[in-house]
Amino acid sequence: AKNKNTKLNFVFVSANAAPPLLQRYITTKREAEIKIKECENLDSTILRPGIISDSDDTIRRVAGQFADVNHALMSGAKSLTSWIPLPVPDFVSQFTQSAESVTVQDLALVAAYAALTEKFANKTLSIEDIKMEAKRL
């Protein structure tokens, strides 16, 4: 049962940067942040992680495979049955290797804590903030 004195905090997972070739992604994230902040009577926390990864780095590998498939289709492949995996395009490798990442476990931990406490009400947390709070929790 929910305690009547408990005030929940809305948590929005945004982004710290746009992936390659997807500038509109970060633009829409920032637009959503502004709309959330404009809501009256709503406490919110904005989380801006980098690349969200997991302990065995599956997410980076999947992103690379997606880039391979996209590259194959853009290069004129008629179907993926004849598709041969290509090296990950340099810009994708550079982005995923240079961008800071936050584990999905750390992000979930901080998001849950932010939702249940007023500590981060109406604040924006950076990658560094998320990592620091996850270690503290």
N, C-alpha and C. Protein backbone atom coordinates (compact mmCIF):
# COMPACT_ATOMS: atom_id res chain seq x y z
N ALA A 1 0.83 -1.18 0.00
CA ALA A 1 0.00 0.00 0.00
C ALA A 1 0.88 1.24 0.00
N LYS A 2 0.47 2.21 -0.76
CA LYS A 2 1.24 3.45 -0.87
C LYS A 2 1.00 4.33 0.35
N ASN A 3 2.08 4.82 0.91
CA ASN A 3 2.01 5.73 2.04
C ASN A 3 1.52 7.08 1.51
N LYS A 4 0.51 7.66 2.13
CA LYS A 4 -0.05 8.93 1.67
C LYS A 4 0.96 10.07 1.76
N ASN A 5 1.97 9.91 2.60
CA ASN A 5 2.99 10.95 2.76
C ASN A 5 4.13 10.81 1.76
N THR A 6 4.14 9.72 1.01
CA THR A 6 5.21 9.49 0.04
C THR A 6 4.94 10.29 -1.23
N LYS A 7 5.91 11.08 -1.61
CA LYS A 7 5.79 11.85 -2.85
C LYS A 7 6.75 11.25 -3.86
N LEU A 8 6.23 10.83 -4.99
CA LEU A 8 7.07 10.23 -6.01
C LEU A 8 7.66 11.30 -6.92
N ASN A 9 8.80 11.00 -7.46
CA ASN A 9 9.54 11.90 -8.34
C ASN A 9 9.55 11.27 -9.73
N PHE A 10 9.18 12.03 -10.76
CA PHE A 10 9.21 11.54 -12.14
C PHE A 10 10.66 11.50 -12.61
N VAL A 11 11.08 10.36 -13.19
CA VAL A 11 12.45 10.20 -13.67
C VAL A 11 12.42 10.02 -15.18
N PHE A 12 13.18 10.85 -15.89
CA PHE A 12 13.27 10.77 -17.35
C PHE A 12 14.71 10.42 -17.73
N VAL A 13 14.86 9.33 -18.48
CA VAL A 13 16.19 8.94 -18.96
C VAL A 13 16.39 9.63 -20.30
N SER A 14 17.28 10.60 -20.29
CA SER A 14 17.58 11.39 -21.48
C SER A 14 18.88 10.85 -22.10
N ALA A 15 19.72 11.72 -22.57
CA ALA A 15 20.99 11.32 -23.17
C ALA A 15 21.98 12.47 -23.02
N ASN A 16 23.26 12.13 -23.01
CA ASN A 16 24.26 13.19 -22.89
C ASN A 16 24.76 13.66 -24.26
N ALA A 17 24.54 12.86 -25.30
CA ALA A 17 25.00 13.23 -26.64
C ALA A 17 24.20 12.45 -27.68
N ALA A 18 24.27 12.91 -28.91
CA ALA A 18 23.58 12.23 -30.01
C ALA A 18 24.48 11.16 -30.60
N PRO A 19 23.90 10.01 -30.93
CA PRO A 19 24.67 9.00 -31.65
C PRO A 19 25.04 9.54 -33.03
N PRO A 20 26.03 8.95 -33.68
CA PRO A 20 26.42 9.42 -35.02
C PRO A 20 25.23 9.43 -35.98
N LEU A 21 25.14 10.49 -36.72
CA LEU A 21 24.13 10.68 -37.77
C LEU A 21 22.70 10.81 -37.25
N LEU A 22 22.53 10.97 -35.94
CA LEU A 22 21.19 11.07 -35.38
C LEU A 22 21.04 12.31 -34.50
N GLN A 23 21.36 13.47 -35.05
CA GLN A 23 21.29 14.71 -34.29
C GLN A 23 19.88 14.98 -33.76
N ARG A 24 18.88 14.58 -34.50
CA ARG A 24 17.50 14.80 -34.07
C ARG A 24 17.20 14.07 -32.75
N TYR A 25 17.91 12.97 -32.50
CA TYR A 25 17.73 12.20 -31.27
C TYR A 25 17.96 13.07 -30.04
N ILE A 26 19.06 13.80 -30.02
CA ILE A 26 19.38 14.62 -28.85
C ILE A 26 18.46 15.84 -28.80
N THR A 27 18.08 16.35 -29.95
CA THR A 27 17.18 17.50 -30.00
C THR A 27 15.84 17.15 -29.36
N THR A 28 15.29 15.99 -29.70
CA THR A 28 14.00 15.59 -29.12
C THR A 28 14.13 15.26 -27.64
N LYS A 29 15.27 14.73 -27.22
CA LYS A 29 15.49 14.48 -25.79
C LYS A 29 15.47 15.80 -25.02
N ARG A 30 16.16 16.82 -25.54
CA ARG A 30 16.19 18.12 -24.86
C ARG A 30 14.81 18.78 -24.87
N GLU A 31 14.06 18.63 -25.98
CA GLU A 31 12.71 19.17 -26.03
C GLU A 31 11.83 18.52 -24.96
N ALA A 32 11.97 17.21 -24.80
CA ALA A 32 11.20 16.50 -23.77
C ALA A 32 11.59 16.98 -22.38
N GLU A 33 12.88 17.20 -22.14
CA GLU A 33 13.34 17.71 -20.85
C GLU A 33 12.67 19.04 -20.52
N ILE A 34 12.62 19.92 -21.50
CA ILE A 34 12.01 21.25 -21.30
C ILE A 34 10.53 21.10 -20.94
N LYS A 35 9.82 20.25 -21.69
CA LYS A 35 8.38 20.04 -21.42
C LYS A 35 8.17 19.49 -20.01
N ILE A 36 9.00 18.55 -19.61
CA ILE A 36 8.88 17.97 -18.26
C ILE A 36 9.11 19.04 -17.20
N LYS A 37 10.13 19.86 -17.39
CA LYS A 37 10.45 20.90 -16.41
C LYS A 37 9.34 21.96 -16.33
N GLU A 38 8.59 22.14 -17.42
CA GLU A 38 7.51 23.12 -17.44
C GLU A 38 6.26 22.63 -16.73
N CYS A 39 6.16 21.35 -16.45
CA CYS A 39 4.97 20.79 -15.79
C CYS A 39 4.89 21.27 -14.35
N GLU A 40 3.78 21.90 -14.04
CA GLU A 40 3.56 22.36 -12.67
C GLU A 40 3.23 21.16 -11.78
N ASN A 41 3.59 21.27 -10.53
CA ASN A 41 3.29 20.23 -9.54
C ASN A 41 3.92 18.87 -9.89
N LEU A 42 5.01 18.89 -10.62
CA LEU A 42 5.70 17.65 -10.95
C LEU A 42 7.18 17.80 -10.62
N ASP A 43 7.62 17.04 -9.63
CA ASP A 43 9.06 16.99 -9.37
C ASP A 43 9.64 15.97 -10.32
N SER A 44 10.78 16.28 -10.87
CA SER A 44 11.37 15.37 -11.84
C SER A 44 12.89 15.35 -11.70
N THR A 45 13.44 14.25 -12.16
CA THR A 45 14.89 14.10 -12.25
C THR A 45 15.21 13.68 -13.67
N ILE A 46 16.16 14.36 -14.27
CA ILE A 46 16.61 14.03 -15.63
C ILE A 46 17.94 13.30 -15.49
N LEU A 47 18.02 12.11 -16.07
CA LEU A 47 19.27 11.34 -16.08
C LEU A 47 19.86 11.41 -17.48
N ARG A 48 21.11 11.78 -17.57
CA ARG A 48 21.78 11.89 -18.87
C ARG A 48 22.96 10.92 -18.94
N PRO A 49 22.66 9.63 -19.15
CA PRO A 49 23.75 8.67 -19.27
C PRO A 49 24.41 8.77 -20.63
N GLY A 50 25.58 8.17 -20.72
CA GLY A 50 26.22 8.02 -22.02
C GLY A 50 25.63 6.78 -22.65
N ILE A 51 26.45 5.97 -23.25
CA ILE A 51 25.99 4.70 -23.79
C ILE A 51 25.62 3.82 -22.61
N ILE A 52 24.49 3.17 -22.70
CA ILE A 52 24.06 2.27 -21.63
C ILE A 52 24.56 0.88 -22.01
N SER A 53 25.37 0.31 -21.14
CA SER A 53 25.97 -0.99 -21.44
C SER A 53 25.57 -1.99 -20.37
N ASP A 54 26.02 -3.21 -20.55
CA ASP A 54 25.83 -4.21 -19.51
C ASP A 54 27.17 -4.85 -19.20
N SER A 55 27.19 -5.76 -18.27
CA SER A 55 28.46 -6.27 -17.79
C SER A 55 29.29 -6.97 -18.86
N ASP A 56 28.65 -7.58 -19.85
CA ASP A 56 29.44 -8.24 -20.90
C ASP A 56 29.47 -7.44 -22.20
N ASP A 57 29.07 -6.18 -22.13
CA ASP A 57 29.16 -5.25 -23.26
C ASP A 57 28.31 -5.65 -24.47
N THR A 58 27.23 -6.37 -24.23
CA THR A 58 26.34 -6.81 -25.30
C THR A 58 25.80 -5.64 -26.10
N ILE A 59 25.46 -4.56 -25.43
CA ILE A 59 24.82 -3.43 -26.10
C ILE A 59 25.74 -2.83 -27.16
N ARG A 60 27.02 -2.70 -26.86
CA ARG A 60 27.95 -2.17 -27.87
C ARG A 60 28.04 -3.11 -29.07
N ARG A 61 28.05 -4.42 -28.82
CA ARG A 61 28.12 -5.38 -29.92
C ARG A 61 26.86 -5.30 -30.78
N VAL A 62 25.69 -5.20 -30.13
CA VAL A 62 24.43 -5.10 -30.88
C VAL A 62 24.42 -3.82 -31.71
N ALA A 63 24.89 -2.71 -31.15
CA ALA A 63 24.95 -1.45 -31.91
C ALA A 63 25.84 -1.62 -33.13
N GLY A 64 26.95 -2.30 -32.97
CA GLY A 64 27.85 -2.55 -34.10
C GLY A 64 27.20 -3.42 -35.15
N GLN A 65 26.45 -4.45 -34.73
CA GLN A 65 25.77 -5.32 -35.68
C GLN A 65 24.66 -4.56 -36.41
N PHE A 66 23.95 -3.70 -35.68
CA PHE A 66 22.92 -2.88 -36.31
C PHE A 66 23.55 -1.99 -37.39
N ALA A 67 24.70 -1.40 -37.07
CA ALA A 67 25.39 -0.55 -38.04
C ALA A 67 25.81 -1.37 -39.25
N ASP A 68 26.23 -2.63 -39.04
CA ASP A 68 26.60 -3.50 -40.15
C ASP A 68 25.40 -3.74 -41.08
N VAL A 69 24.26 -4.08 -40.49
CA VAL A 69 23.06 -4.37 -41.28
C VAL A 69 22.62 -3.11 -42.03
N ASN A 70 22.60 -1.99 -41.35
CA ASN A 70 22.22 -0.73 -41.97
C ASN A 70 23.16 -0.40 -43.13
N HIS A 71 24.45 -0.59 -42.93
CA HIS A 71 25.44 -0.32 -43.97
C HIS A 71 25.20 -1.25 -45.17
N ALA A 72 24.92 -2.53 -44.92
CA ALA A 72 24.67 -3.48 -46.00
C ALA A 72 23.46 -3.07 -46.81
N LEU A 73 22.39 -2.70 -46.13
CA LEU A 73 21.17 -2.30 -46.84
C LEU A 73 21.37 -1.02 -47.64
N MET A 74 22.09 -0.08 -47.06
CA MET A 74 22.36 1.18 -47.76
C MET A 74 23.31 0.98 -48.92
N SER A 75 24.09 -0.10 -48.89
CA SER A 75 25.04 -0.39 -49.97
C SER A 75 24.39 -1.15 -51.11
N GLY A 76 23.09 -1.42 -50.99
CA GLY A 76 22.37 -2.05 -52.09
C GLY A 76 22.06 -3.52 -51.92
N ALA A 77 22.31 -4.10 -50.76
CA ALA A 77 21.97 -5.51 -50.56
C ALA A 77 20.45 -5.67 -50.72
N LYS A 78 20.03 -6.67 -51.51
CA LYS A 78 18.61 -6.90 -51.74
C LYS A 78 17.96 -7.66 -50.58
N SER A 79 18.74 -8.46 -49.89
CA SER A 79 18.21 -9.18 -48.73
C SER A 79 19.37 -9.44 -47.78
N LEU A 80 19.04 -9.82 -46.58
CA LEU A 80 20.09 -10.10 -45.60
C LEU A 80 20.54 -11.55 -45.65
N THR A 81 19.91 -12.38 -46.52
CA THR A 81 20.33 -13.78 -46.61
C THR A 81 21.71 -13.88 -47.26
N SER A 82 22.04 -12.93 -48.10
CA SER A 82 23.36 -12.93 -48.73
C SER A 82 24.31 -11.96 -48.06
N TRP A 83 23.86 -11.37 -46.98
CA TRP A 83 24.65 -10.36 -46.28
C TRP A 83 25.83 -10.98 -45.57
N ILE A 84 26.97 -10.39 -45.75
CA ILE A 84 28.19 -10.81 -45.06
C ILE A 84 28.53 -9.70 -44.08
N PRO A 85 28.71 -10.03 -42.80
CA PRO A 85 29.02 -8.96 -41.84
C PRO A 85 30.23 -8.14 -42.28
N LEU A 86 30.07 -6.86 -42.19
CA LEU A 86 31.12 -5.93 -42.56
C LEU A 86 31.77 -5.39 -41.30
N PRO A 87 32.97 -4.87 -41.42
CA PRO A 87 33.54 -4.23 -40.23
C PRO A 87 32.64 -3.08 -39.79
N VAL A 88 32.57 -2.84 -38.51
CA VAL A 88 31.78 -1.72 -38.01
C VAL A 88 32.36 -0.44 -38.58
N PRO A 89 31.52 0.42 -39.16
CA PRO A 89 32.04 1.67 -39.71
C PRO A 89 32.85 2.44 -38.66
N ASP A 90 33.90 3.09 -39.09
CA ASP A 90 34.80 3.78 -38.18
C ASP A 90 34.09 4.74 -37.24
N PHE A 91 33.11 5.50 -37.75
CA PHE A 91 32.46 6.49 -36.89
C PHE A 91 31.69 5.81 -35.76
N VAL A 92 31.13 4.62 -36.00
CA VAL A 92 30.40 3.90 -34.94
C VAL A 92 31.39 3.38 -33.91
N SER A 93 32.47 2.77 -34.37
CA SER A 93 33.49 2.27 -33.44
C SER A 93 34.06 3.40 -32.60
N GLN A 94 34.37 4.52 -33.24
CA GLN A 94 34.94 5.65 -32.50
C GLN A 94 33.95 6.18 -31.47
N PHE A 95 32.68 6.25 -31.84
CA PHE A 95 31.67 6.76 -30.91
C PHE A 95 31.52 5.81 -29.72
N THR A 96 31.34 4.51 -29.98
CA THR A 96 31.08 3.58 -28.89
C THR A 96 32.31 3.35 -28.02
N GLN A 97 33.50 3.49 -28.58
CA GLN A 97 34.70 3.30 -27.77
C GLN A 97 35.08 4.54 -27.00
N SER A 98 34.79 5.73 -27.54
CA SER A 98 35.20 6.95 -26.86
C SER A 98 34.12 7.47 -25.90
N ALA A 99 32.88 7.13 -26.16
CA ALA A 99 31.79 7.63 -25.30
C ALA A 99 31.83 6.92 -23.96
N GLU A 100 31.58 7.69 -22.93
CA GLU A 100 31.49 7.08 -21.60
C GLU A 100 30.22 6.27 -21.53
N SER A 101 30.29 5.19 -20.79
CA SER A 101 29.09 4.37 -20.65
C SER A 101 28.71 4.22 -19.19
N VAL A 102 27.46 3.90 -18.99
CA VAL A 102 26.90 3.63 -17.68
C VAL A 102 26.26 2.25 -17.80
N THR A 103 26.45 1.39 -16.82
CA THR A 103 25.82 0.08 -16.91
C THR A 103 24.32 0.22 -16.69
N VAL A 104 23.58 -0.67 -17.31
CA VAL A 104 22.13 -0.65 -17.16
C VAL A 104 21.76 -0.88 -15.70
N GLN A 105 22.56 -1.66 -15.00
CA GLN A 105 22.30 -1.92 -13.58
C GLN A 105 22.45 -0.63 -12.75
N ASP A 106 23.53 0.13 -13.00
CA ASP A 106 23.74 1.38 -12.27
C ASP A 106 22.65 2.41 -12.60
N LEU A 107 22.29 2.49 -13.87
CA LEU A 107 21.25 3.43 -14.28
C LEU A 107 19.91 3.09 -13.61
N ALA A 108 19.56 1.81 -13.60
CA ALA A 108 18.31 1.39 -12.97
C ALA A 108 18.32 1.68 -11.47
N LEU A 109 19.44 1.43 -10.83
CA LEU A 109 19.56 1.68 -9.39
C LEU A 109 19.35 3.16 -9.07
N VAL A 110 20.04 4.03 -9.81
CA VAL A 110 19.92 5.46 -9.56
C VAL A 110 18.52 5.96 -9.94
N ALA A 111 17.95 5.45 -11.02
CA ALA A 111 16.60 5.86 -11.42
C ALA A 111 15.58 5.49 -10.35
N ALA A 112 15.68 4.29 -9.82
CA ALA A 112 14.74 3.86 -8.77
C ALA A 112 14.91 4.72 -7.51
N TYR A 113 16.15 4.97 -7.13
CA TYR A 113 16.41 5.79 -5.95
C TYR A 113 15.86 7.21 -6.16
N ALA A 114 16.10 7.76 -7.36
CA ALA A 114 15.62 9.12 -7.66
C ALA A 114 14.10 9.19 -7.62
N ALA A 115 13.43 8.12 -8.04
CA ALA A 115 11.97 8.11 -8.04
C ALA A 115 11.39 8.10 -6.63
N LEU A 116 12.15 7.54 -5.70
CA LEU A 116 11.63 7.34 -4.34
C LEU A 116 12.16 8.32 -3.31
N THR A 117 12.95 9.26 -3.73
CA THR A 117 13.52 10.22 -2.79
C THR A 117 13.44 11.63 -3.37
N GLU A 118 13.49 12.61 -2.50
CA GLU A 118 13.48 14.00 -2.96
C GLU A 118 14.89 14.54 -3.20
N LYS A 119 15.90 13.73 -2.93
CA LYS A 119 17.29 14.19 -3.05
C LYS A 119 17.60 14.78 -4.42
N PHE A 120 17.06 14.17 -5.46
CA PHE A 120 17.36 14.62 -6.82
C PHE A 120 16.19 15.34 -7.48
N ALA A 121 15.21 15.74 -6.71
CA ALA A 121 14.04 16.42 -7.27
C ALA A 121 14.47 17.67 -8.03
N ASN A 122 13.98 17.77 -9.24
CA ASN A 122 14.23 18.93 -10.11
C ASN A 122 15.72 19.15 -10.40
N LYS A 123 16.44 18.04 -10.57
CA LYS A 123 17.87 18.11 -10.90
C LYS A 123 18.14 17.28 -12.14
N THR A 124 19.26 17.59 -12.78
CA THR A 124 19.74 16.82 -13.92
C THR A 124 21.05 16.17 -13.51
N LEU A 125 21.13 14.84 -13.70
CA LEU A 125 22.32 14.10 -13.32
C LEU A 125 23.11 13.71 -14.56
N SER A 126 24.40 14.02 -14.54
CA SER A 126 25.31 13.68 -15.64
C SER A 126 25.81 12.24 -15.50
N ILE A 127 26.58 11.80 -16.47
CA ILE A 127 27.20 10.48 -16.41
C ILE A 127 27.98 10.32 -15.10
N GLU A 128 28.78 11.32 -14.78
CA GLU A 128 29.60 11.26 -13.57
C GLU A 128 28.74 11.17 -12.32
N ASP A 129 27.65 11.96 -12.29
CA ASP A 129 26.73 11.92 -11.15
C ASP A 129 26.10 10.53 -10.99
N ILE A 130 25.68 9.96 -12.10
CA ILE A 130 25.04 8.64 -12.08
C ILE A 130 26.01 7.59 -11.54
N LYS A 131 27.24 7.61 -12.06
CA LYS A 131 28.26 6.64 -11.60
C LYS A 131 28.56 6.83 -10.12
N MET A 132 28.70 8.07 -9.68
CA MET A 132 29.01 8.34 -8.28
C MET A 132 27.89 7.88 -7.36
N GLU A 133 26.66 8.18 -7.72
CA GLU A 133 25.52 7.77 -6.90
C GLU A 133 25.37 6.26 -6.87
N ALA A 134 25.59 5.60 -7.99
CA ALA A 134 25.50 4.14 -8.04
C ALA A 134 26.52 3.50 -7.09
N LYS A 135 27.73 4.05 -7.05
CA LYS A 135 28.75 3.53 -6.13
C LYS A 135 28.34 3.76 -4.68
N ARG A 136 27.75 4.92 -4.41
CA ARG A 136 27.34 5.26 -3.06
C ARG A 136 26.20 4.35 -2.58
N LEU A 137 25.30 4.01 -3.50
CA LEU A 137 24.15 3.18 -3.12
C LEU A 137 24.57 1.75 -2.96
